[in-house]
Amino acid sequence: MSLLTVRHATTGAEELRTDDAAQIAQVLGGIGVRFERWGVTPLPAGADADTVMAAYRPRLDSFMGETGAGTADVIKLDPSHPMKDAMRQKFLSEHTHTEDEVRFFHEGAGNFVLHIGGRIYDAHCTAGDLISVPANATHWFDAGTEPNFTVLRVFTDTTGWTPHYTGSDLAERFPAITA
């Protein structure tokens, strides 16, 4: 289930917690983040990347045409991956990108946590969620210690996804919320 928790970045006081997709989209839209619920295409569990990509191609082509994005791929991560800890650590610290970071969750879950306007917006995304974090927005991503997801990533320019770390310790002070 999708969940949005908003906390004050200084006090940590919780200001909002909702699992209502329309409210999540409205709140995140207010800070420039696109959030949508797409239907999940039924596929066999663990379907390969080509199968996942083909299943979403019509919706993806429409989205890419609307946003001007040029390419997409599928990334899968599960607890058996030998580099799961290193991959988690890479995006666990607060950072920015020079282009929008777009993910659609086909399977599994992960948290995009944004630090904007003195607040922490923790978006727990699950299967069927599309989130687009705008370029230069400070954020971090956490799929937990046992990551398990299959997501479509959408790129305008893949070099724009290099993380630029802020040096902040906010990600340590505000761990992701999943329930």
Protein backbone atom coordinates (compact mmCIF):
# COMPACT_ATOMS: atom_id res chain seq x y z
CA MET A 1 0.00 0.00 0.00
CA SER A 2 1.32 3.45 -0.92
CA LEU A 3 1.97 5.71 2.05
CA LEU A 4 3.03 9.34 2.42
CA THR A 5 4.36 10.65 5.71
CA VAL A 6 5.29 14.33 6.08
CA ARG A 7 7.46 15.41 9.00
CA HIS A 8 8.99 18.70 10.08
CA ALA A 9 12.71 18.58 9.20
CA THR A 10 13.82 20.27 12.43
CA THR A 11 11.51 18.84 15.08
CA GLY A 12 10.62 15.54 13.42
CA ALA A 13 6.96 16.15 14.26
CA GLU A 14 4.63 14.19 12.01
CA GLU A 15 2.33 16.56 10.11
CA LEU A 16 0.57 14.12 7.78
CA ARG A 17 0.23 10.39 7.18
CA THR A 18 -2.00 9.15 4.38
CA ASP A 19 -2.47 6.10 2.20
CA ASP A 20 -5.03 7.86 -0.02
CA ALA A 21 -3.50 7.93 -3.53
CA ALA A 22 -5.36 11.12 -4.54
CA GLN A 23 -4.14 12.95 -1.44
CA ILE A 24 -0.59 11.65 -1.96
CA ALA A 25 -0.66 12.95 -5.54
CA GLN A 26 -2.03 16.31 -4.40
CA VAL A 27 0.50 16.81 -1.59
CA LEU A 28 3.47 15.69 -3.68
CA GLY A 29 2.23 17.72 -6.66
CA GLY A 30 2.39 20.77 -4.41
CA ILE A 31 6.17 20.33 -4.22
CA GLY A 32 6.62 19.48 -7.90
CA VAL A 33 6.69 15.68 -7.55
CA ARG A 34 4.52 13.67 -9.92
CA PHE A 35 2.76 10.69 -8.35
CA GLU A 36 0.35 8.42 -10.20
CA ARG A 37 -1.19 4.99 -9.75
CA TRP A 38 -0.98 2.85 -12.88
CA GLY A 39 -2.57 -0.55 -13.17
CA VAL A 40 -0.16 -3.42 -12.62
CA THR A 41 0.00 -5.75 -15.61
CA PRO A 42 -0.36 -9.35 -14.46
CA LEU A 43 2.86 -11.19 -15.22
CA PRO A 44 4.46 -14.31 -13.76
CA ALA A 45 6.34 -13.53 -10.54
CA GLY A 46 9.92 -12.64 -11.36
CA ALA A 47 9.25 -11.99 -15.07
CA ASP A 48 12.40 -11.00 -16.94
CA ALA A 49 13.18 -7.39 -17.87
CA ASP A 50 12.13 -7.74 -21.53
CA THR A 51 8.74 -9.15 -20.54
CA VAL A 52 8.16 -6.36 -18.02
CA MET A 53 9.18 -3.70 -20.53
CA ALA A 54 6.92 -5.12 -23.24
CA ALA A 55 3.96 -5.30 -20.86
CA TYR A 56 4.13 -1.57 -20.11
CA ARG A 57 5.31 -0.35 -23.52
CA PRO A 58 2.05 1.40 -24.59
CA ARG A 59 1.72 3.30 -21.29
CA LEU A 60 5.44 3.97 -21.18
CA ASP A 61 5.53 5.32 -24.75
CA SER A 62 2.69 7.70 -23.93
CA PHE A 63 4.45 8.88 -20.76
CA MET A 64 7.76 9.33 -22.55
CA GLY A 65 6.10 11.27 -25.36
CA GLU A 66 4.46 13.57 -22.83
CA THR A 67 7.64 14.18 -20.81
CA GLY A 68 10.22 14.16 -23.59
CA ALA A 69 12.13 11.29 -22.01
CA GLY A 70 14.25 9.31 -24.41
CA THR A 71 14.77 5.85 -22.97
CA ALA A 72 13.71 3.42 -20.28
CA ASP A 73 14.96 0.24 -18.70
CA VAL A 74 14.00 -2.27 -16.04
CA ILE A 75 15.97 -2.85 -12.88
CA LYS A 76 15.37 -5.73 -10.51
CA LEU A 77 16.85 -6.11 -7.06
CA ASP A 78 16.19 -8.86 -4.55
CA PRO A 79 17.77 -9.95 -1.26
CA SER A 80 19.97 -12.56 -3.00
CA HIS A 81 21.82 -9.95 -5.10
CA PRO A 82 25.50 -9.94 -4.06
CA MET A 83 25.73 -6.13 -4.38
CA LYS A 84 22.45 -5.28 -2.62
CA ASP A 85 24.14 -3.56 0.33
CA ALA A 86 26.43 -1.46 -1.87
CA MET A 87 23.53 -0.54 -4.16
CA ARG A 88 21.41 0.50 -1.16
CA GLN A 89 24.21 2.59 0.31
CA LYS A 90 24.76 4.48 -2.96
CA PHE A 91 21.35 6.19 -2.75
CA LEU A 92 20.78 6.20 1.01
CA SER A 93 22.44 9.59 1.60
CA GLU A 94 20.74 12.86 0.64
CA HIS A 95 21.56 13.80 -2.94
CA THR A 96 20.28 15.48 -6.10
CA HIS A 97 20.29 14.62 -9.81
CA THR A 98 20.46 16.98 -12.79
CA GLU A 99 17.37 15.42 -14.34
CA ASP A 100 14.08 14.02 -13.09
CA GLU A 101 14.27 10.63 -11.40
CA VAL A 102 11.32 8.56 -12.63
CA ARG A 103 10.36 5.13 -11.33
CA PHE A 104 7.35 2.89 -11.90
CA PHE A 105 7.06 -0.02 -9.47
CA HIS A 106 5.90 -3.23 -11.16
CA GLU A 107 6.75 -5.38 -8.12
CA GLY A 108 7.97 -4.66 -4.61
CA ALA A 109 8.43 -1.37 -2.82
CA GLY A 110 10.83 1.41 -1.90
CA ASN A 111 10.84 4.84 -0.29
CA PHE A 112 11.67 8.12 -1.97
CA VAL A 113 12.32 10.57 0.84
CA LEU A 114 12.48 14.25 -0.11
CA HIS A 115 13.73 17.24 1.87
CA ILE A 116 11.88 20.29 0.58
CA GLY A 117 10.82 23.53 2.27
CA GLY A 118 11.78 22.46 5.80
CA ARG A 119 9.81 19.22 5.57
CA ILE A 120 10.59 15.56 4.99
CA TYR A 121 8.21 13.92 2.49
CA ASP A 122 8.54 10.14 2.77
CA ALA A 123 6.76 8.42 -0.14
CA HIS A 124 6.55 4.66 0.33
CA CYS A 125 5.90 3.43 -3.21
CA THR A 126 4.51 0.00 -3.98
CA ALA A 127 3.47 -1.96 -7.07
CA GLY A 128 1.50 0.31 -9.40
CA ASP A 129 3.08 3.58 -8.23
CA LEU A 130 4.83 5.97 -10.59
CA ILE A 131 6.89 8.72 -8.99
CA SER A 132 8.90 11.45 -10.69
CA VAL A 133 11.26 13.38 -8.44
CA PRO A 134 12.18 16.67 -10.14
CA ALA A 135 15.75 17.52 -11.09
CA ASN A 136 17.75 19.12 -8.28
CA ALA A 137 15.29 18.06 -5.54
CA THR A 138 17.15 16.87 -2.44
CA HIS A 139 16.16 13.29 -1.67
CA TRP A 140 17.30 9.78 -0.88
CA PHE A 141 15.99 6.32 -1.73
CA ASP A 142 15.69 3.30 0.56
CA ALA A 143 14.34 -0.14 -0.29
CA GLY A 144 15.38 -1.54 3.09
CA THR A 145 17.95 -4.09 4.13
CA GLU A 146 16.21 -6.82 2.12
CA PRO A 147 15.33 -4.98 -1.12
CA ASN A 148 12.86 -6.65 -3.42
CA PHE A 149 11.57 -4.71 -6.40
CA THR A 150 11.18 -4.57 -10.14
CA VAL A 151 10.94 -1.02 -11.49
CA LEU A 152 10.93 0.73 -14.81
CA ARG A 153 13.35 3.65 -14.91
CA VAL A 154 12.76 6.48 -17.38
CA PHE A 155 15.65 8.64 -18.60
CA THR A 156 16.08 11.78 -20.65
CA ASP A 157 19.87 11.50 -20.37
CA THR A 158 21.32 8.68 -18.27
CA THR A 159 24.24 10.86 -17.18
CA GLY A 160 21.72 13.05 -15.34
CA TRP A 161 21.23 10.30 -12.76
CA THR A 162 24.66 10.63 -11.22
CA PRO A 163 24.02 11.42 -7.54
CA HIS A 164 25.38 14.71 -6.22
CA TYR A 165 25.60 14.31 -2.44
CA THR A 166 24.70 17.18 -0.12
CA GLY A 167 26.71 15.99 2.89
CA SER A 168 23.62 16.21 5.09
CA ASP A 169 22.89 13.62 7.79
CA LEU A 170 19.10 13.90 7.32
CA ALA A 171 18.80 10.39 5.89
CA GLU A 172 20.29 9.02 9.11
CA ARG A 173 17.97 11.15 11.27
CA PHE A 174 14.86 10.34 9.20
CA PRO A 175 14.85 6.64 8.27
CA ALA A 176 12.22 5.57 5.75
CA ILE A 177 8.75 4.70 7.02
CA THR A 178 7.01 1.67 5.54
CA ALA A 179 3.96 1.24 7.79
